Amino acid sequence: MYEHLLSTRTDSVERLTLNRPQVRNAFNDTTVAELLAWARATAADASVRAVVISGRGPVFCAGADATWMASTVERTRNENQADARVAADMYRAINELPVPVIGRVHGAAIGGGAGLASVCDVVVADEHALFGFTEVKLGLIPAVISPFVLAKIGRSAARELFLTGRRFSAQHALDIGLVHTVVGEQELDAAVDAVLREVLSAGPEAVAAAKRLIADVPVLTPDAAAALTSDALAERRTSPEGQEGLRAFLQKRKPGWNLA
């Protein structure tokens, strides 16, 4: 179905693998377009309860590939703007998926690859993985990924990492919130499976609603936040899923959605 992606389904878990190992899974315009199409299709598939994104070969994602970057030199400003907008739409579509997105990062996540990690809800990283927002080293900026990176690591960390372009360790990525778990490479799959078990034990509608809260609440005034959150909680309490969860708790049994 895709030229540069591998998409497989195990029960309700969608596993997406970047499949350009010969170029360290670097992005080009085809990869970006395919990721956008995949994200839109996945968002429309109610059977998906979780997504795992990984990279084939020794590296998660090395950012933009050299051939693609070379082509941008010959493009007009308008052509480059259109090209960048597709990339922005791709990151946004993954960021707004209504299910948990788990990033399995090994080797390196550089530039746009680090941006891809920033739109994952949970990131599990190999202890030897390297990260970097290295665009300034090329006279560029981490523009289209910046809304998602800033939301993930904050302005203080971004001031240093965006402006120096330095590469940093998985431990530092953990310290600033880009990564959530750091393990040995041989333990990556087990760590991802542990996250999946937690996700699949939670109500899928509640998870989607909680993910919307994370996006919506920070931009609201206190009054608007109070109105939205009280309405959201009342909706969950009176929903079939919420009532099933509460009954299961009181009856000391697993709720019907629990696949863990």
C-alpha atoms as a PDB file:
ATOM      1  CA  MET A   1       0.000   0.000   0.000  1.00  0.00           C
ATOM      2  CA  TYR A   2       2.904   2.363   0.763  1.00  0.00           C
ATOM      3  CA  GLU A   3       6.305   2.781  -0.833  1.00  0.00           C
ATOM      4  CA  HIS A   4       8.197   4.003   2.242  1.00  0.00           C
ATOM      5  CA  LEU A   5       6.076   2.717   5.124  1.00  0.00           C
ATOM      6  CA  LEU A   6       5.117  -0.674   6.508  1.00  0.00           C
ATOM      7  CA  SER A   7       1.698  -0.796   8.164  1.00  0.00           C
ATOM      8  CA  THR A   8       0.590  -3.882  10.089  1.00  0.00           C
ATOM      9  CA  ARG A   9      -2.290  -4.553  12.458  1.00  0.00           C
ATOM     10  CA  THR A  10      -2.341  -6.849  15.467  1.00  0.00           C
ATOM     11  CA  ASP A  11      -5.829  -6.866  16.939  1.00  0.00           C
ATOM     12  CA  SER A  12      -6.472  -3.182  17.760  1.00  0.00           C
ATOM     13  CA  VAL A  13      -2.828  -2.071  17.632  1.00  0.00           C
ATOM     14  CA  GLU A  14      -1.585  -0.369  14.459  1.00  0.00           C
ATOM     15  CA  ARG A  15       2.173  -0.698  13.979  1.00  0.00           C
ATOM     16  CA  LEU A  16       3.782   1.726  11.542  1.00  0.00           C
ATOM     17  CA  THR A  17       7.399   1.289  10.478  1.00  0.00           C
ATOM     18  CA  LEU A  18       9.423   3.840   8.535  1.00  0.00           C
ATOM     19  CA  ASN A  19      10.872   1.707   5.737  1.00  0.00           C
ATOM     20  CA  ARG A  20      13.828   3.503   4.166  1.00  0.00           C
ATOM     21  CA  PRO A  21      16.712   1.903   6.075  1.00  0.00           C
ATOM     22  CA  GLN A  22      19.167   2.600   3.239  1.00  0.00           C
ATOM     23  CA  VAL A  23      18.887   6.332   4.028  1.00  0.00           C
ATOM     24  CA  ARG A  24      18.378   5.980   7.793  1.00  0.00           C
ATOM     25  CA  ASN A  25      14.610   6.352   7.333  1.00  0.00           C
ATOM     26  CA  ALA A  26      15.061   9.969   6.294  1.00  0.00           C
ATOM     27  CA  PHE A  27      12.037  11.832   4.980  1.00  0.00           C
ATOM     28  CA  ASN A  28      11.373  12.876   1.406  1.00  0.00           C
ATOM     29  CA  ASP A  29       8.208  14.285  -0.108  1.00  0.00           C
ATOM     30  CA  THR A  30       6.821  10.803  -0.774  1.00  0.00           C
ATOM     31  CA  THR A  31       7.388   9.687   2.812  1.00  0.00           C
ATOM     32  CA  VAL A  32       5.731  12.817   4.174  1.00  0.00           C
ATOM     33  CA  ALA A  33       2.718  12.420   1.867  1.00  0.00           C
ATOM     34  CA  GLU A  34       2.382   8.763   2.837  1.00  0.00           C
ATOM     35  CA  LEU A  35       2.579   9.572   6.547  1.00  0.00           C
ATOM     36  CA  LEU A  36      -0.160  12.168   6.116  1.00  0.00           C
ATOM     37  CA  ALA A  37      -2.380   9.707   4.222  1.00  0.00           C
ATOM     38  CA  TRP A  38      -1.716   7.003   6.804  1.00  0.00           C
ATOM     39  CA  ALA A  39      -2.560   9.309   9.728  1.00  0.00           C
ATOM     40  CA  ARG A  40      -5.825  10.405   8.155  1.00  0.00           C
ATOM     41  CA  ALA A  41      -6.841   6.812   7.414  1.00  0.00           C
ATOM     42  CA  THR A  42      -5.927   5.702  10.930  1.00  0.00           C
ATOM     43  CA  ALA A  43      -7.890   8.550  12.511  1.00  0.00           C
ATOM     44  CA  ALA A  44     -10.981   7.384  10.611  1.00  0.00           C
ATOM     45  CA  ASP A  45     -10.585   3.736  11.705  1.00  0.00           C
ATOM     46  CA  ALA A  46     -12.570   3.179  14.889  1.00  0.00           C
ATOM     47  CA  SER A  47     -11.039  -0.273  15.385  1.00  0.00           C
ATOM     48  CA  VAL A  48      -7.603   1.199  16.210  1.00  0.00           C
ATOM     49  CA  ARG A  49      -6.897   1.664  19.919  1.00  0.00           C
ATOM     50  CA  ALA A  50      -3.159   2.354  19.847  1.00  0.00           C
ATOM     51  CA  VAL A  51      -0.355   3.113  17.410  1.00  0.00           C
ATOM     52  CA  VAL A  52       3.330   2.191  17.598  1.00  0.00           C
ATOM     53  CA  ILE A  53       5.755   4.065  15.315  1.00  0.00           C
ATOM     54  CA  SER A  54       9.226   2.650  14.738  1.00  0.00           C
ATOM     55  CA  GLY A  55      11.996   2.651  12.148  1.00  0.00           C
ATOM     56  CA  ARG A  56      13.452  -0.248  10.200  1.00  0.00           C
ATOM     57  CA  GLY A  57      17.216  -0.715  10.299  1.00  0.00           C
ATOM     58  CA  PRO A  58      19.747   0.896  12.651  1.00  0.00           C
ATOM     59  CA  VAL A  59      18.087   4.317  13.015  1.00  0.00           C
ATOM     60  CA  PHE A  60      14.586   5.559  13.898  1.00  0.00           C
ATOM     61  CA  CYS A  61      14.656   8.614  11.615  1.00  0.00           C
ATOM     62  CA  ALA A  62      17.493  10.872  10.473  1.00  0.00           C
ATOM     63  CA  GLY A  63      15.279  13.783   9.398  1.00  0.00           C
ATOM     64  CA  ALA A  64      15.194  14.978   5.778  1.00  0.00           C
ATOM     65  CA  ASP A  65      17.224  13.071   3.201  1.00  0.00           C
ATOM     66  CA  ALA A  66      19.974  14.779   1.218  1.00  0.00           C
ATOM     67  CA  THR A  67      18.281  14.410  -2.173  1.00  0.00           C
ATOM     68  CA  TRP A  68      15.094  16.029  -0.902  1.00  0.00           C
ATOM     69  CA  MET A  69      17.005  18.880   0.728  1.00  0.00           C
ATOM     70  CA  ALA A  70      18.964  19.426  -2.489  1.00  0.00           C
ATOM     71  CA  SER A  71      15.723  19.714  -4.465  1.00  0.00           C
ATOM     72  CA  THR A  72      14.448  22.490  -2.206  1.00  0.00           C
ATOM     73  CA  VAL A  73      17.352  24.718  -3.259  1.00  0.00           C
ATOM     74  CA  GLU A  74      15.945  24.826  -6.800  1.00  0.00           C
ATOM     75  CA  ARG A  75      12.340  25.439  -5.746  1.00  0.00           C
ATOM     76  CA  THR A  76      10.669  28.831  -5.542  1.00  0.00           C
ATOM     77  CA  ARG A  77       9.561  30.356  -2.251  1.00  0.00           C
ATOM     78  CA  ASN A  78       5.953  29.415  -3.045  1.00  0.00           C
ATOM     79  CA  GLU A  79       6.929  25.852  -3.909  1.00  0.00           C
ATOM     80  CA  ASN A  80       8.880  25.543  -0.683  1.00  0.00           C
ATOM     81  CA  GLN A  81       5.964  26.973   1.270  1.00  0.00           C
ATOM     82  CA  ALA A  82       3.581  24.401  -0.237  1.00  0.00           C
ATOM     83  CA  ASP A  83       6.079  21.619   0.472  1.00  0.00           C
ATOM     84  CA  ALA A  84       6.472  22.714   4.092  1.00  0.00           C
ATOM     85  CA  ARG A  85       2.711  22.951   4.569  1.00  0.00           C
ATOM     86  CA  VAL A  86       2.303  19.271   3.680  1.00  0.00           C
ATOM     87  CA  ALA A  87       4.897  18.415   6.325  1.00  0.00           C
ATOM     88  CA  ALA A  88       3.116  20.636   8.869  1.00  0.00           C
ATOM     89  CA  ASP A  89      -0.180  18.910   8.075  1.00  0.00           C
ATOM     90  CA  MET A  90       1.491  15.515   8.486  1.00  0.00           C
ATOM     91  CA  TYR A  91       2.832  16.275  11.958  1.00  0.00           C
ATOM     92  CA  ARG A  92      -0.482  17.760  12.997  1.00  0.00           C
ATOM     93  CA  ALA A  93      -2.424  14.736  11.744  1.00  0.00           C
ATOM     94  CA  ILE A  94      -0.253  12.367  13.785  1.00  0.00           C
ATOM     95  CA  ASN A  95      -0.374  14.667  16.805  1.00  0.00           C
ATOM     96  CA  GLU A  96      -4.182  14.735  16.685  1.00  0.00           C
ATOM     97  CA  LEU A  97      -4.762  11.011  16.279  1.00  0.00           C
ATOM     98  CA  PRO A  98      -7.515  10.130  18.784  1.00  0.00           C
ATOM     99  CA  VAL A  99      -5.530   7.174  20.150  1.00  0.00           C
ATOM    100  CA  PRO A 100      -2.233   6.924  22.027  1.00  0.00           C
ATOM    101  CA  VAL A 101       0.790   7.080  19.739  1.00  0.00           C
ATOM    102  CA  ILE A 102       3.857   5.284  21.093  1.00  0.00           C
ATOM    103  CA  GLY A 103       7.259   6.055  19.611  1.00  0.00           C
ATOM    104  CA  ARG A 104       9.865   3.277  19.630  1.00  0.00           C
ATOM    105  CA  VAL A 105      13.101   5.207  19.116  1.00  0.00           C
ATOM    106  CA  HIS A 106      16.464   3.593  18.522  1.00  0.00           C
ATOM    107  CA  GLY A 107      19.716   4.758  16.967  1.00  0.00           C
ATOM    108  CA  ALA A 108      18.876   8.382  16.319  1.00  0.00           C
ATOM    109  CA  ALA A 109      15.998  10.822  15.916  1.00  0.00           C
ATOM    110  CA  ILE A 110      17.385  13.936  14.256  1.00  0.00           C
ATOM    111  CA  GLY A 111      15.620  17.040  12.890  1.00  0.00           C
ATOM    112  CA  GLY A 112      12.292  15.905  11.529  1.00  0.00           C
ATOM    113  CA  GLY A 113      12.838  12.561  13.244  1.00  0.00           C
ATOM    114  CA  ALA A 114      12.986  14.318  16.606  1.00  0.00           C
ATOM    115  CA  GLY A 115       9.877  16.168  15.474  1.00  0.00           C
ATOM    116  CA  LEU A 116       8.193  12.819  14.881  1.00  0.00           C
ATOM    117  CA  ALA A 117       9.088  11.797  18.425  1.00  0.00           C
ATOM    118  CA  SER A 118       7.514  15.033  19.675  1.00  0.00           C
ATOM    119  CA  VAL A 119       4.094  14.117  18.243  1.00  0.00           C
ATOM    120  CA  CYS A 120       4.152  10.732  19.961  1.00  0.00           C
ATOM    121  CA  ASP A 121       2.239  10.617  23.239  1.00  0.00           C
ATOM    122  CA  VAL A 122       4.675   8.180  24.827  1.00  0.00           C
ATOM    123  CA  VAL A 123       8.274   7.705  23.668  1.00  0.00           C
ATOM    124  CA  VAL A 124      10.374   4.691  24.617  1.00  0.00           C
ATOM    125  CA  ALA A 125      14.022   5.172  23.647  1.00  0.00           C
ATOM    126  CA  ASP A 126      17.138   3.068  23.400  1.00  0.00           C
ATOM    127  CA  GLU A 127      19.644   4.292  25.994  1.00  0.00           C
ATOM    128  CA  HIS A 128      22.208   4.902  23.230  1.00  0.00           C
ATOM    129  CA  ALA A 129      19.852   6.845  20.931  1.00  0.00           C
ATOM    130  CA  LEU A 130      20.844  10.362  19.906  1.00  0.00           C
ATOM    131  CA  PHE A 131      18.477  13.273  19.358  1.00  0.00           C
ATOM    132  CA  GLY A 132      18.912  16.709  17.852  1.00  0.00           C
ATOM    133  CA  PHE A 133      17.137  19.711  16.400  1.00  0.00           C
ATOM    134  CA  THR A 134      20.063  20.308  14.066  1.00  0.00           C
ATOM    135  CA  GLU A 135      18.456  22.519  11.428  1.00  0.00           C
ATOM    136  CA  VAL A 136      20.442  25.653  12.301  1.00  0.00           C
ATOM    137  CA  LYS A 137      23.640  23.789  11.404  1.00  0.00           C
ATOM    138  CA  LEU A 138      22.338  23.913   7.812  1.00  0.00           C
ATOM    139  CA  GLY A 139      21.177  27.519   7.988  1.00  0.00           C
ATOM    140  CA  LEU A 140      17.572  26.349   8.440  1.00  0.00           C
ATOM    141  CA  ILE A 141      15.142  26.297  11.376  1.00  0.00           C
ATOM    142  CA  PRO A 142      12.947  23.607  12.995  1.00  0.00           C
ATOM    143  CA  ALA A 143       9.897  25.494  11.833  1.00  0.00           C
ATOM    144  CA  VAL A 144       7.049  23.062  11.110  1.00  0.00           C
ATOM    145  CA  ILE A 145       7.912  20.862  14.083  1.00  0.00           C
ATOM    146  CA  SER A 146       8.241  23.779  16.507  1.00  0.00           C
ATOM    147  CA  PRO A 147       4.592  23.887  17.741  1.00  0.00           C
ATOM    148  CA  PHE A 148       4.796  20.233  18.762  1.00  0.00           C
ATOM    149  CA  VAL A 149       8.319  20.341  20.167  1.00  0.00           C
ATOM    150  CA  LEU A 150       7.597  23.462  22.228  1.00  0.00           C
ATOM    151  CA  ALA A 151       4.473  21.815  23.627  1.00  0.00           C
ATOM    152  CA  LYS A 152       6.565  18.785  24.584  1.00  0.00           C
ATOM    153  CA  ILE A 153       9.794  20.246  25.998  1.00  0.00           C
ATOM    154  CA  GLY A 154       8.953  23.897  26.717  1.00  0.00           C
ATOM    155  CA  ARG A 155      10.672  27.128  25.764  1.00  0.00           C
ATOM    156  CA  SER A 156      13.679  26.864  28.046  1.00  0.00           C
ATOM    157  CA  ALA A 157      14.939  23.563  26.623  1.00  0.00           C
ATOM    158  CA  ALA A 158      14.090  24.705  23.097  1.00  0.00           C
ATOM    159  CA  ARG A 159      16.130  27.896  23.504  1.00  0.00           C
ATOM    160  CA  GLU A 160      19.264  25.871  23.991  1.00  0.00           C
ATOM    161  CA  LEU A 161      18.584  23.002  21.603  1.00  0.00           C
ATOM    162  CA  PHE A 162      17.062  25.008  18.715  1.00  0.00           C
ATOM    163  CA  LEU A 163      19.772  27.680  18.831  1.00  0.00           C
ATOM    164  CA  THR A 164      22.816  25.442  19.211  1.00  0.00           C
ATOM    165  CA  GLY A 165      21.594  22.538  17.081  1.00  0.00           C
ATOM    166  CA  ARG A 166      23.616  20.204  19.274  1.00  0.00           C
ATOM    167  CA  ARG A 167      22.897  16.507  19.496  1.00  0.00           C
ATOM    168  CA  PHE A 168      21.872  15.155  22.875  1.00  0.00           C
ATOM    169  CA  SER A 169      21.477  11.833  24.629  1.00  0.00           C
ATOM    170  CA  ALA A 170      18.415   9.773  25.401  1.00  0.00           C
ATOM    171  CA  GLN A 171      18.937  10.629  29.068  1.00  0.00           C
ATOM    172  CA  HIS A 172      18.779  14.350  28.302  1.00  0.00           C
ATOM    173  CA  ALA A 173      15.686  13.730  26.139  1.00  0.00           C
ATOM    174  CA  LEU A 174      14.178  12.039  29.201  1.00  0.00           C
ATOM    175  CA  ASP A 175      15.130  14.944  31.435  1.00  0.00           C
ATOM    176  CA  ILE A 176      13.358  17.507  29.208  1.00  0.00           C
ATOM    177  CA  GLY A 177      10.245  15.421  28.556  1.00  0.00           C
ATOM    178  CA  LEU A 178      10.795  14.471  24.923  1.00  0.00           C
ATOM    179  CA  VAL A 179      11.209  10.841  26.003  1.00  0.00           C
ATOM    180  CA  HIS A 180       9.347   9.013  28.774  1.00  0.00           C
ATOM    181  CA  THR A 181      11.285   5.752  29.202  1.00  0.00           C
ATOM    182  CA  VAL A 182      14.915   4.890  28.457  1.00  0.00           C
ATOM    183  CA  VAL A 183      15.950   1.238  28.279  1.00  0.00           C
ATOM    184  CA  GLY A 184      18.573  -0.975  26.681  1.00  0.00           C
ATOM    185  CA  GLU A 185      17.982  -1.691  22.999  1.00  0.00           C
ATOM    186  CA  GLN A 186      17.139  -5.330  23.751  1.00  0.00           C
ATOM    187  CA  GLU A 187      14.406  -4.151  26.132  1.00  0.00           C
ATOM    188  CA  LEU A 188      12.681  -1.749  23.737  1.00  0.00           C
ATOM    189  CA  ASP A 189       9.941  -4.122  22.630  1.00  0.00           C
ATOM    190  CA  ALA A 190       9.156  -5.224  26.172  1.00  0.00           C
ATOM    191  CA  ALA A 191       8.930  -1.591  27.277  1.00  0.00           C
ATOM    192  CA  VAL A 192       6.603  -0.747  24.375  1.00  0.00           C
ATOM    193  CA  ASP A 193       4.453  -3.776  25.220  1.00  0.00           C
ATOM    194  CA  ALA A 194       4.197  -2.568  28.814  1.00  0.00           C
ATOM    195  CA  VAL A 195       2.833   0.775  27.606  1.00  0.00           C
ATOM    196  CA  LEU A 196       0.393  -1.019  25.317  1.00  0.00           C
ATOM    197  CA  ARG A 197      -0.923  -3.107  28.209  1.00  0.00           C
ATOM    198  CA  GLU A 198      -1.677   0.056  30.161  1.00  0.00           C
ATOM    199  CA  VAL A 199      -3.351   1.694  27.168  1.00  0.00           C
ATOM    200  CA  LEU A 200      -5.504  -1.331  26.362  1.00  0.00           C
ATOM    201  CA  SER A 201      -6.706  -1.556  29.961  1.00  0.00           C
ATOM    202  CA  ALA A 202      -8.194   1.951  29.695  1.00  0.00           C
ATOM    203  CA  GLY A 203     -11.506   2.982  28.162  1.00  0.00           C
ATOM    204  CA  PRO A 204     -10.851   3.907  24.511  1.00  0.00           C
ATOM    205  CA  GLU A 205     -13.384   6.737  24.497  1.00  0.00           C
ATOM    206  CA  ALA A 206     -11.959   8.076  27.753  1.00  0.00           C
ATOM    207  CA  VAL A 207      -8.439   7.954  26.348  1.00  0.00           C
ATOM    208  CA  ALA A 208      -9.523   9.955  23.291  1.00  0.00           C
ATOM    209  CA  ALA A 209     -11.306  12.484  25.518  1.00  0.00           C
ATOM    210  CA  ALA A 210      -8.263  12.778  27.797  1.00  0.00           C
ATOM    211  CA  LYS A 211      -6.051  13.414  24.788  1.00  0.00           C
ATOM    212  CA  ARG A 212      -8.377  16.232  23.696  1.00  0.00           C
ATOM    213  CA  LEU A 213      -8.104  17.765  27.181  1.00  0.00           C
ATOM    214  CA  ILE A 214      -4.332  17.896  26.872  1.00  0.00           C
ATOM    215  CA  ALA A 215      -4.659  19.891  23.663  1.00  0.00           C
ATOM    216  CA  ASP A 216      -7.585  22.098  24.639  1.00  0.00           C
ATOM    217  CA  VAL A 217      -7.171  23.083  28.287  1.00  0.00           C
ATOM    218  CA  PRO A 218      -3.818  24.952  28.154  1.00  0.00           C
ATOM    219  CA  VAL A 219      -5.160  27.544  25.690  1.00  0.00           C
ATOM    220  CA  LEU A 220      -8.356  28.329  27.626  1.00  0.00           C
ATOM    221  CA  THR A 221      -9.122  31.013  30.166  1.00  0.00           C
ATOM    222  CA  PRO A 222      -9.840  29.725  33.697  1.00  0.00           C
ATOM    223  CA  ASP A 223     -13.595  30.206  33.209  1.00  0.00           C
ATOM    224  CA  ALA A 224     -13.596  28.461  29.849  1.00  0.00           C
ATOM    225  CA  ALA A 225     -11.470  25.632  31.252  1.00  0.00           C
ATOM    226  CA  ALA A 226     -13.872  25.145  34.157  1.00  0.00           C
ATOM    227  CA  ALA A 227     -16.837  24.989  31.783  1.00  0.00           C
ATOM    228  CA  LEU A 228     -15.174  22.591  29.371  1.00  0.00           C
ATOM    229  CA  THR A 229     -13.815  20.234  32.022  1.00  0.00           C
ATOM    230  CA  SER A 230     -17.022  20.027  34.049  1.00  0.00           C
ATOM    231  CA  ASP A 231     -19.003  19.273  30.892  1.00  0.00           C
ATOM    232  CA  ALA A 232     -16.429  16.702  29.798  1.00  0.00           C
ATOM    233  CA  LEU A 233     -16.522  14.890  33.129  1.00  0.00           C
ATOM    234  CA  ALA A 234     -20.329  14.872  33.215  1.00  0.00           C
ATOM    235  CA  GLU A 235     -20.375  13.444  29.681  1.00  0.00           C
ATOM    236  CA  ARG A 236     -17.973  10.649  30.656  1.00  0.00           C
ATOM    237  CA  ARG A 237     -19.890   9.796  33.836  1.00  0.00           C
ATOM    238  CA  THR A 238     -23.158   9.409  31.937  1.00  0.00           C
ATOM    239  CA  SER A 239     -21.680   7.660  28.887  1.00  0.00           C
ATOM    240  CA  PRO A 240     -22.096   3.885  28.442  1.00  0.00           C
ATOM    241  CA  GLU A 241     -18.328   3.459  28.675  1.00  0.00           C
ATOM    242  CA  GLY A 242     -18.033   5.525  31.835  1.00  0.00           C
ATOM    243  CA  GLN A 243     -20.895   3.698  33.510  1.00  0.00           C
ATOM    244  CA  GLU A 244     -19.433   0.324  32.530  1.00  0.00           C
ATOM    245  CA  GLY A 245     -16.096   1.351  34.028  1.00  0.00           C
ATOM    246  CA  LEU A 246     -17.637   2.477  37.300  1.00  0.00           C
ATOM    247  CA  ARG A 247     -19.788  -0.651  37.589  1.00  0.00           C
ATOM    248  CA  ALA A 248     -16.810  -2.878  36.850  1.00  0.00           C
ATOM    249  CA  PHE A 249     -14.822  -1.113  39.579  1.00  0.00           C
ATOM    250  CA  LEU A 250     -17.614  -1.510  42.131  1.00  0.00           C
ATOM    251  CA  GLN A 251     -18.153  -5.150  41.139  1.00  0.00           C
ATOM    252  CA  LYS A 252     -14.414  -5.888  41.254  1.00  0.00           C
ATOM    253  CA  ARG A 253     -14.212  -7.103  37.652  1.00  0.00           C
ATOM    254  CA  LYS A 254     -12.534  -6.009  34.446  1.00  0.00           C
ATOM    255  CA  PRO A 255     -14.555  -3.679  32.217  1.00  0.00           C
ATOM    256  CA  GLY A 256     -15.552  -5.038  28.825  1.00  0.00           C
ATOM    257  CA  TRP A 257     -12.960  -3.041  26.880  1.00  0.00           C
ATOM    258  CA  ASN A 258      -9.971  -4.271  28.925  1.00  0.00           C
ATOM    259  CA  LEU A 259      -7.750  -6.265  26.554  1.00  0.00           C
ATOM    260  CA  ALA A 260      -4.667  -6.249  28.770  1.00  0.00           C
END
